[in-house]
């Protein structure tokens, strides 16, 4: 009986001591707002995910810097809106019409100050550059778009046209049920047409890189890049690099 009582008293003392030794911890800020440090090492030849087949820019950086028309829900694996608020599938899957999100800002950087928000012109520029071999930006930094080239997209898309400032339509040469899924990959990141025009005006098509969206890329010490939160776009929209 004495042994049991001693054990009980010892247990009570331990719990009593823990109550004073372990006060309630303060609530931590949401990691999506406070951020975290994630360091990777690798060579980056371009910050444009359209121009690579794999590697650091696609695996790690693209999701931080860019946005696409569509995204994939990581839990349900269903397509969800991103830059496109909604979309329509017409002509038995040969035509896709996208209604774009309003009031999505591009970031202001040391080398680029946008004068407008995201609109249909940026979508036309982004995909026209890939699909149209005669596009003035098709051959900038090489004419290869590895992911889309592997799908022969240039031979599959008949046209990409602007219906109004926030509506675009892709017309395919034949129905393709997988088309929307390709637009949800990081290879289909949307670029800034206004920034491209500025580079062309200054004859600097192959230099510099703007990034817009939840994070932007900033140089550190001339040999590395840091992704920092962008207060200009708290929703996580919109990413663009024109290289």
C-alpha atoms as a PDB file:
ATOM      1  CA  UNK A   1       0.000   0.000   0.000  1.00  0.00           C
ATOM      2  CA  UNK A   2       2.852   2.343   0.917  1.00  0.00           C
ATOM      3  CA  UNK A   3       4.564   1.545  -2.429  1.00  0.00           C
ATOM      4  CA  UNK A   4       1.421   2.340  -4.401  1.00  0.00           C
ATOM      5  CA  UNK A   5       0.915   5.602  -2.509  1.00  0.00           C
ATOM      6  CA  UNK A   6       4.527   6.626  -3.129  1.00  0.00           C
ATOM      7  CA  UNK A   7       4.182   5.877  -6.833  1.00  0.00           C
ATOM      8  CA  UNK A   8       0.972   7.901  -7.025  1.00  0.00           C
ATOM      9  CA  UNK A   9       2.564  10.879  -5.274  1.00  0.00           C
ATOM     10  CA  UNK A  10       5.562  10.710  -7.607  1.00  0.00           C
ATOM     11  CA  UNK A  11       3.303  10.709 -10.656  1.00  0.00           C
ATOM     12  CA  UNK A  12       1.329  13.696  -9.356  1.00  0.00           C
ATOM     13  CA  UNK A  13       4.559  15.602  -8.701  1.00  0.00           C
ATOM     14  CA  UNK A  14       5.798  14.897 -12.222  1.00  0.00           C
ATOM     15  CA  UNK A  15       2.569  16.178 -13.760  1.00  0.00           C
ATOM     16  CA  UNK A  16       2.617  19.215 -11.455  1.00  0.00           C
ATOM     17  CA  UNK A  17       6.195  19.972 -12.474  1.00  0.00           C
ATOM     18  CA  UNK A  18       5.372  19.607 -16.168  1.00  0.00           C
ATOM     19  CA  UNK A  19       2.482  22.051 -15.815  1.00  0.00           C
ATOM     20  CA  UNK A  20       4.948  24.743 -14.728  1.00  0.00           C
ATOM     21  CA  UNK A  21       7.858  23.644 -16.927  1.00  0.00           C
ATOM     22  CA  UNK A  22       5.869  23.568 -20.189  1.00  0.00           C
ATOM     23  CA  UNK A  23       3.717  26.693 -20.548  1.00  0.00           C
ATOM     24  CA  UNK A  24       1.437  26.990 -23.564  1.00  0.00           C
ATOM     25  CA  UNK A  25       3.368  27.810 -26.717  1.00  0.00           C
ATOM     26  CA  UNK A  26       2.380  30.933 -28.644  1.00  0.00           C
ATOM     27  CA  UNK A  27       0.543  30.371 -31.911  1.00  0.00           C
ATOM     28  CA  UNK A  28       2.872  30.275 -34.906  1.00  0.00           C
ATOM     29  CA  UNK A  29       2.249  32.332 -38.006  1.00  0.00           C
ATOM     30  CA  UNK A  30       0.960  30.506 -41.041  1.00  0.00           C
ATOM     31  CA  UNK A  31       3.969  29.255 -42.994  1.00  0.00           C
ATOM     32  CA  UNK A  32       2.334  30.507 -46.183  1.00  0.00           C
ATOM     33  CA  UNK A  33       2.667  34.038 -44.814  1.00  0.00           C
ATOM     34  CA  UNK A  34       5.899  33.780 -42.828  1.00  0.00           C
ATOM     35  CA  UNK A  35       7.748  31.643 -45.387  1.00  0.00           C
ATOM     36  CA  UNK A  36      10.595  29.217 -44.810  1.00  0.00           C
ATOM     37  CA  UNK A  37      14.137  28.635 -46.036  1.00  0.00           C
ATOM     38  CA  UNK A  38      14.573  25.904 -48.623  1.00  0.00           C
ATOM     39  CA  UNK A  39      18.000  25.812 -50.260  1.00  0.00           C
ATOM     40  CA  UNK A  40      18.756  23.929 -53.444  1.00  0.00           C
ATOM     41  CA  UNK A  41      21.889  23.773 -55.514  1.00  0.00           C
ATOM     42  CA  UNK A  42      21.862  23.595 -59.256  1.00  0.00           C
ATOM     43  CA  UNK A  43      22.647  25.403 -62.472  1.00  0.00           C
ATOM     44  CA  UNK A  44      19.898  27.551 -63.954  1.00  0.00           C
ATOM     45  CA  UNK A  45      20.329  28.557 -67.581  1.00  0.00           C
ATOM     46  CA  UNK A  46      16.928  30.236 -67.856  1.00  0.00           C
ATOM     47  CA  UNK A  47      14.095  31.267 -65.576  1.00  0.00           C
ATOM     48  CA  UNK A  48      11.509  30.421 -68.228  1.00  0.00           C
ATOM     49  CA  UNK A  49       9.976  26.955 -67.585  1.00  0.00           C
ATOM     50  CA  UNK A  50       8.802  26.826 -71.204  1.00  0.00           C
ATOM     51  CA  UNK A  51      12.417  26.494 -72.330  1.00  0.00           C
ATOM     52  CA  UNK A  52      13.440  23.498 -70.206  1.00  0.00           C
ATOM     53  CA  UNK A  53      12.469  19.838 -70.020  1.00  0.00           C
ATOM     54  CA  UNK A  54      13.165  19.297 -66.313  1.00  0.00           C
ATOM     55  CA  UNK A  55      15.409  20.487 -63.508  1.00  0.00           C
ATOM     56  CA  UNK A  56      15.478  23.210 -60.891  1.00  0.00           C
ATOM     57  CA  UNK A  57      13.282  25.801 -62.592  1.00  0.00           C
ATOM     58  CA  UNK A  58      10.420  23.345 -63.178  1.00  0.00           C
ATOM     59  CA  UNK A  59      10.759  21.190 -60.067  1.00  0.00           C
ATOM     60  CA  UNK A  60      11.221  23.994 -57.534  1.00  0.00           C
ATOM     61  CA  UNK A  61      11.007  27.559 -58.800  1.00  0.00           C
ATOM     62  CA  UNK A  62       8.175  27.601 -61.328  1.00  0.00           C
ATOM     63  CA  UNK A  63       5.449  27.050 -58.738  1.00  0.00           C
ATOM     64  CA  UNK A  64       6.797  29.977 -56.704  1.00  0.00           C
ATOM     65  CA  UNK A  65       7.205  32.484 -59.527  1.00  0.00           C
ATOM     66  CA  UNK A  66       4.524  31.703 -62.088  1.00  0.00           C
ATOM     67  CA  UNK A  67       0.864  30.974 -62.617  1.00  0.00           C
ATOM     68  CA  UNK A  68      -1.008  29.110 -65.314  1.00  0.00           C
ATOM     69  CA  UNK A  69      -4.508  29.218 -66.728  1.00  0.00           C
ATOM     70  CA  UNK A  70      -5.395  26.091 -64.757  1.00  0.00           C
ATOM     71  CA  UNK A  71      -4.062  24.155 -61.800  1.00  0.00           C
ATOM     72  CA  UNK A  72      -4.562  20.630 -60.466  1.00  0.00           C
ATOM     73  CA  UNK A  73      -6.026  20.074 -57.007  1.00  0.00           C
ATOM     74  CA  UNK A  74      -3.398  17.991 -55.128  1.00  0.00           C
ATOM     75  CA  UNK A  75      -6.083  16.068 -53.230  1.00  0.00           C
ATOM     76  CA  UNK A  76      -8.780  15.406 -55.830  1.00  0.00           C
ATOM     77  CA  UNK A  77      -6.513  15.575 -58.915  1.00  0.00           C
ATOM     78  CA  UNK A  78      -9.147  17.630 -60.667  1.00  0.00           C
ATOM     79  CA  UNK A  79      -8.555  20.723 -62.767  1.00  0.00           C
ATOM     80  CA  UNK A  80      -9.220  23.957 -60.883  1.00  0.00           C
ATOM     81  CA  UNK A  81      -9.182  27.632 -61.958  1.00  0.00           C
ATOM     82  CA  UNK A  82      -6.052  29.720 -61.633  1.00  0.00           C
ATOM     83  CA  UNK A  83      -5.687  32.600 -64.087  1.00  0.00           C
ATOM     84  CA  UNK A  84      -8.787  31.363 -65.884  1.00  0.00           C
ATOM     85  CA  UNK A  85     -11.910  31.749 -63.744  1.00  0.00           C
ATOM     86  CA  UNK A  86     -13.821  29.316 -65.929  1.00  0.00           C
ATOM     87  CA  UNK A  87     -13.595  27.562 -69.277  1.00  0.00           C
ATOM     88  CA  UNK A  88     -15.755  25.967 -71.938  1.00  0.00           C
ATOM     89  CA  UNK A  89     -15.096  22.919 -74.097  1.00  0.00           C
ATOM     90  CA  UNK A  90     -16.653  23.343 -77.555  1.00  0.00           C
ATOM     91  CA  UNK A  91     -16.725  21.473 -80.871  1.00  0.00           C
ATOM     92  CA  UNK A  92     -16.372  18.082 -79.167  1.00  0.00           C
ATOM     93  CA  UNK A  93     -13.033  19.041 -77.649  1.00  0.00           C
ATOM     94  CA  UNK A  94     -11.539  20.912 -80.599  1.00  0.00           C
ATOM     95  CA  UNK A  95     -12.141  24.402 -79.162  1.00  0.00           C
ATOM     96  CA  UNK A  96     -11.388  25.661 -75.647  1.00  0.00           C
ATOM     97  CA  UNK A  97     -12.590  29.053 -74.432  1.00  0.00           C
ATOM     98  CA  UNK A  98     -11.175  30.612 -71.257  1.00  0.00           C
ATOM     99  CA  UNK A  99     -12.668  33.423 -69.189  1.00  0.00           C
ATOM    100  CA  UNK A 100      -9.796  35.147 -67.424  1.00  0.00           C
ATOM    101  CA  UNK A 101      -9.541  36.460 -63.890  1.00  0.00           C
ATOM    102  CA  UNK A 102      -9.780  40.220 -63.381  1.00  0.00           C
ATOM    103  CA  UNK A 103      -7.516  42.509 -61.345  1.00  0.00           C
ATOM    104  CA  UNK A 104      -4.440  40.288 -61.307  1.00  0.00           C
ATOM    105  CA  UNK A 105      -1.357  42.533 -60.981  1.00  0.00           C
ATOM    106  CA  UNK A 106       2.098  42.029 -62.367  1.00  0.00           C
ATOM    107  CA  UNK A 107       4.941  42.729 -59.956  1.00  0.00           C
ATOM    108  CA  UNK A 108       6.971  45.898 -60.033  1.00  0.00           C
ATOM    109  CA  UNK A 109      10.701  45.212 -60.071  1.00  0.00           C
ATOM    110  CA  UNK A 110      13.853  47.288 -60.344  1.00  0.00           C
ATOM    111  CA  UNK A 111      13.791  46.787 -64.118  1.00  0.00           C
ATOM    112  CA  UNK A 112      10.075  46.653 -64.931  1.00  0.00           C
ATOM    113  CA  UNK A 113       7.078  48.703 -63.813  1.00  0.00           C
ATOM    114  CA  UNK A 114       3.855  47.377 -65.358  1.00  0.00           C
ATOM    115  CA  UNK A 115       1.187  49.832 -66.486  1.00  0.00           C
ATOM    116  CA  UNK A 116      -1.692  47.340 -66.565  1.00  0.00           C
ATOM    117  CA  UNK A 117      -2.962  44.122 -65.011  1.00  0.00           C
ATOM    118  CA  UNK A 118      -2.974  40.672 -66.566  1.00  0.00           C
ATOM    119  CA  UNK A 119      -5.283  40.283 -69.571  1.00  0.00           C
ATOM    120  CA  UNK A 120      -5.837  38.302 -72.754  1.00  0.00           C
ATOM    121  CA  UNK A 121      -2.821  39.857 -74.491  1.00  0.00           C
ATOM    122  CA  UNK A 122      -0.515  38.005 -72.096  1.00  0.00           C
ATOM    123  CA  UNK A 123      -2.130  34.659 -72.906  1.00  0.00           C
ATOM    124  CA  UNK A 124      -1.934  35.333 -76.642  1.00  0.00           C
ATOM    125  CA  UNK A 125       1.735  36.267 -76.338  1.00  0.00           C
ATOM    126  CA  UNK A 126       2.613  33.290 -74.137  1.00  0.00           C
ATOM    127  CA  UNK A 127       1.131  30.590 -76.320  1.00  0.00           C
ATOM    128  CA  UNK A 128       1.549  32.310 -79.671  1.00  0.00           C
ATOM    129  CA  UNK A 129       5.278  32.304 -78.996  1.00  0.00           C
ATOM    130  CA  UNK A 130       5.194  28.534 -78.509  1.00  0.00           C
ATOM    131  CA  UNK A 131       2.814  27.457 -81.261  1.00  0.00           C
ATOM    132  CA  UNK A 132       3.523  29.979 -84.011  1.00  0.00           C
ATOM    133  CA  UNK A 133       6.923  29.421 -85.618  1.00  0.00           C
ATOM    134  CA  UNK A 134       6.670  32.850 -87.268  1.00  0.00           C
ATOM    135  CA  UNK A 135       6.118  34.650 -83.960  1.00  0.00           C
ATOM    136  CA  UNK A 136       8.870  37.265 -83.371  1.00  0.00           C
ATOM    137  CA  UNK A 137       9.653  35.690 -79.984  1.00  0.00           C
ATOM    138  CA  UNK A 138       9.598  32.059 -81.091  1.00  0.00           C
ATOM    139  CA  UNK A 139      13.349  31.917 -81.713  1.00  0.00           C
ATOM    140  CA  UNK A 140      14.473  34.103 -78.793  1.00  0.00           C
ATOM    141  CA  UNK A 141      16.853  32.076 -76.621  1.00  0.00           C
ATOM    142  CA  UNK A 142      16.469  29.211 -79.068  1.00  0.00           C
ATOM    143  CA  UNK A 143      13.371  27.861 -80.781  1.00  0.00           C
ATOM    144  CA  UNK A 144      13.071  24.811 -78.541  1.00  0.00           C
ATOM    145  CA  UNK A 145      10.128  24.384 -76.159  1.00  0.00           C
ATOM    146  CA  UNK A 146      10.916  20.823 -75.022  1.00  0.00           C
ATOM    147  CA  UNK A 147       7.652  19.874 -73.333  1.00  0.00           C
ATOM    148  CA  UNK A 148       5.382  21.253 -76.036  1.00  0.00           C
ATOM    149  CA  UNK A 149       7.681  20.069 -78.822  1.00  0.00           C
ATOM    150  CA  UNK A 150       7.401  16.519 -77.468  1.00  0.00           C
ATOM    151  CA  UNK A 151       3.615  16.796 -77.816  1.00  0.00           C
ATOM    152  CA  UNK A 152       3.854  18.355 -81.297  1.00  0.00           C
ATOM    153  CA  UNK A 153       1.663  21.199 -80.083  1.00  0.00           C
ATOM    154  CA  UNK A 154       2.763  23.525 -82.861  1.00  0.00           C
ATOM    155  CA  UNK A 155       1.190  21.083 -85.293  1.00  0.00           C
ATOM    156  CA  UNK A 156      -1.938  20.568 -83.167  1.00  0.00           C
ATOM    157  CA  UNK A 157      -3.032  24.151 -82.467  1.00  0.00           C
ATOM    158  CA  UNK A 158      -4.735  25.968 -85.303  1.00  0.00           C
ATOM    159  CA  UNK A 159      -5.081  29.339 -83.588  1.00  0.00           C
ATOM    160  CA  UNK A 160      -5.092  31.221 -80.302  1.00  0.00           C
ATOM    161  CA  UNK A 161      -7.261  34.311 -80.480  1.00  0.00           C
ATOM    162  CA  UNK A 162      -8.478  37.090 -78.239  1.00  0.00           C
ATOM    163  CA  UNK A 163     -12.270  37.434 -78.070  1.00  0.00           C
ATOM    164  CA  UNK A 164     -12.142  40.349 -75.638  1.00  0.00           C
ATOM    165  CA  UNK A 165      -9.780  41.676 -72.970  1.00  0.00           C
ATOM    166  CA  UNK A 166     -10.528  38.738 -70.653  1.00  0.00           C
ATOM    167  CA  UNK A 167     -11.578  35.939 -72.990  1.00  0.00           C
ATOM    168  CA  UNK A 168      -9.308  33.805 -75.175  1.00  0.00           C
ATOM    169  CA  UNK A 169     -10.026  30.847 -77.409  1.00  0.00           C
ATOM    170  CA  UNK A 170      -7.772  27.992 -78.493  1.00  0.00           C
ATOM    171  CA  UNK A 171      -8.834  26.211 -81.667  1.00  0.00           C
ATOM    172  CA  UNK A 172      -7.218  22.817 -82.304  1.00  0.00           C
ATOM    173  CA  UNK A 173      -6.891  21.007 -85.610  1.00  0.00           C
ATOM    174  CA  UNK A 174      -8.512  17.967 -84.023  1.00  0.00           C
ATOM    175  CA  UNK A 175     -10.190  17.178 -80.677  1.00  0.00           C
ATOM    176  CA  UNK A 176      -7.778  16.542 -77.809  1.00  0.00           C
ATOM    177  CA  UNK A 177      -9.137  15.522 -74.398  1.00  0.00           C
ATOM    178  CA  UNK A 178      -5.726  16.028 -72.770  1.00  0.00           C
ATOM    179  CA  UNK A 179      -5.342  19.655 -73.852  1.00  0.00           C
ATOM    180  CA  UNK A 180      -6.510  21.207 -70.572  1.00  0.00           C
ATOM    181  CA  UNK A 181      -4.130  19.045 -68.553  1.00  0.00           C
ATOM    182  CA  UNK A 182      -1.156  20.301 -70.530  1.00  0.00           C
ATOM    183  CA  UNK A 183      -2.164  23.882 -69.736  1.00  0.00           C
ATOM    184  CA  UNK A 184      -2.068  23.011 -66.024  1.00  0.00           C
ATOM    185  CA  UNK A 185       1.629  22.068 -66.108  1.00  0.00           C
ATOM    186  CA  UNK A 186       4.365  24.482 -65.079  1.00  0.00           C
ATOM    187  CA  UNK A 187       5.570  24.461 -68.680  1.00  0.00           C
ATOM    188  CA  UNK A 188       2.454  26.504 -69.519  1.00  0.00           C
ATOM    189  CA  UNK A 189       3.307  29.435 -67.241  1.00  0.00           C
ATOM    190  CA  UNK A 190       1.843  32.724 -68.452  1.00  0.00           C
ATOM    191  CA  UNK A 191       4.214  35.533 -69.450  1.00  0.00           C
ATOM    192  CA  UNK A 192       3.943  39.317 -69.579  1.00  0.00           C
ATOM    193  CA  UNK A 193       3.415  40.667 -73.096  1.00  0.00           C
ATOM    194  CA  UNK A 194       4.086  44.207 -71.907  1.00  0.00           C
ATOM    195  CA  UNK A 195       7.475  43.252 -70.521  1.00  0.00           C
ATOM    196  CA  UNK A 196       8.355  41.457 -73.755  1.00  0.00           C
ATOM    197  CA  UNK A 197       7.485  44.592 -75.708  1.00  0.00           C
ATOM    198  CA  UNK A 198       9.757  46.642 -73.464  1.00  0.00           C
ATOM    199  CA  UNK A 199      12.673  44.258 -74.014  1.00  0.00           C
ATOM    200  CA  UNK A 200      12.126  44.274 -77.766  1.00  0.00           C
ATOM    201  CA  UNK A 201      12.042  48.074 -77.790  1.00  0.00           C
ATOM    202  CA  UNK A 202      15.403  48.150 -76.037  1.00  0.00           C
ATOM    203  CA  UNK A 203      16.774  45.270 -78.149  1.00  0.00           C
ATOM    204  CA  UNK A 204      17.280  43.150 -75.020  1.00  0.00           C
ATOM    205  CA  UNK A 205      15.062  40.159 -75.752  1.00  0.00           C
ATOM    206  CA  UNK A 206      17.503  37.705 -74.219  1.00  0.00           C
ATOM    207  CA  UNK A 207      18.280  39.575 -70.997  1.00  0.00           C
ATOM    208  CA  UNK A 208      16.707  40.220 -67.604  1.00  0.00           C
ATOM    209  CA  UNK A 209      13.706  38.463 -66.131  1.00  0.00           C
ATOM    210  CA  UNK A 210      10.620  39.807 -64.361  1.00  0.00           C
ATOM    211  CA  UNK A 211       8.725  37.586 -61.955  1.00  0.00           C
ATOM    212  CA  UNK A 212       5.225  38.241 -60.728  1.00  0.00           C
ATOM    213  CA  UNK A 213       2.919  36.471 -58.323  1.00  0.00           C
ATOM    214  CA  UNK A 214       3.133  35.358 -54.709  1.00  0.00           C
ATOM    215  CA  UNK A 215       6.937  35.349 -54.914  1.00  0.00           C
ATOM    216  CA  UNK A 216       9.533  37.108 -56.998  1.00  0.00           C
ATOM    217  CA  UNK A 217      13.155  36.263 -57.690  1.00  0.00           C
ATOM    218  CA  UNK A 218      15.880  38.637 -56.514  1.00  0.00           C
ATOM    219  CA  UNK A 219      19.657  38.286 -57.032  1.00  0.00           C
ATOM    220  CA  UNK A 220      21.846  37.637 -53.987  1.00  0.00           C
ATOM    221  CA  UNK A 221      25.559  38.365 -54.195  1.00  0.00           C
ATOM    222  CA  UNK A 222      25.573  37.968 -57.954  1.00  0.00           C
ATOM    223  CA  UNK A 223      25.751  34.168 -57.794  1.00  0.00           C
ATOM    224  CA  UNK A 224      22.421  33.093 -56.350  1.00  0.00           C
ATOM    225  CA  UNK A 225      18.727  33.894 -56.424  1.00  0.00           C
ATOM    226  CA  UNK A 226      16.269  34.291 -53.572  1.00  0.00           C
ATOM    227  CA  UNK A 227      12.517  33.894 -53.835  1.00  0.00           C
ATOM    228  CA  UNK A 228      10.784  36.513 -51.684  1.00  0.00           C
ATOM    229  CA  UNK A 229       7.121  37.129 -50.906  1.00  0.00           C
ATOM    230  CA  UNK A 230       5.479  39.754 -53.073  1.00  0.00           C
ATOM    231  CA  UNK A 231       2.889  41.869 -51.244  1.00  0.00           C
ATOM    232  CA  UNK A 232       1.609  43.139 -54.590  1.00  0.00           C
ATOM    233  CA  UNK A 233      -0.042  39.817 -55.340  1.00  0.00           C
ATOM    234  CA  UNK A 234      -1.246  38.211 -52.093  1.00  0.00           C
ATOM    235  CA  UNK A 235      -3.442  35.747 -53.951  1.00  0.00           C
ATOM    236  CA  UNK A 236      -0.477  33.981 -55.493  1.00  0.00           C
ATOM    237  CA  UNK A 237      -1.222  35.212 -58.999  1.00  0.00           C
ATOM    238  CA  UNK A 238       0.628  35.865 -61.437  1.00  0.00           C
ATOM    239  CA  UNK A 239       4.010  34.595 -62.681  1.00  0.00           C
ATOM    240  CA  UNK A 240       5.949  35.733 -65.697  1.00  0.00           C
ATOM    241  CA  UNK A 241       9.472  35.542 -67.055  1.00  0.00           C
ATOM    242  CA  UNK A 242      10.170  36.488 -70.643  1.00  0.00           C
ATOM    243  CA  UNK A 243      13.398  34.711 -71.454  1.00  0.00           C
END
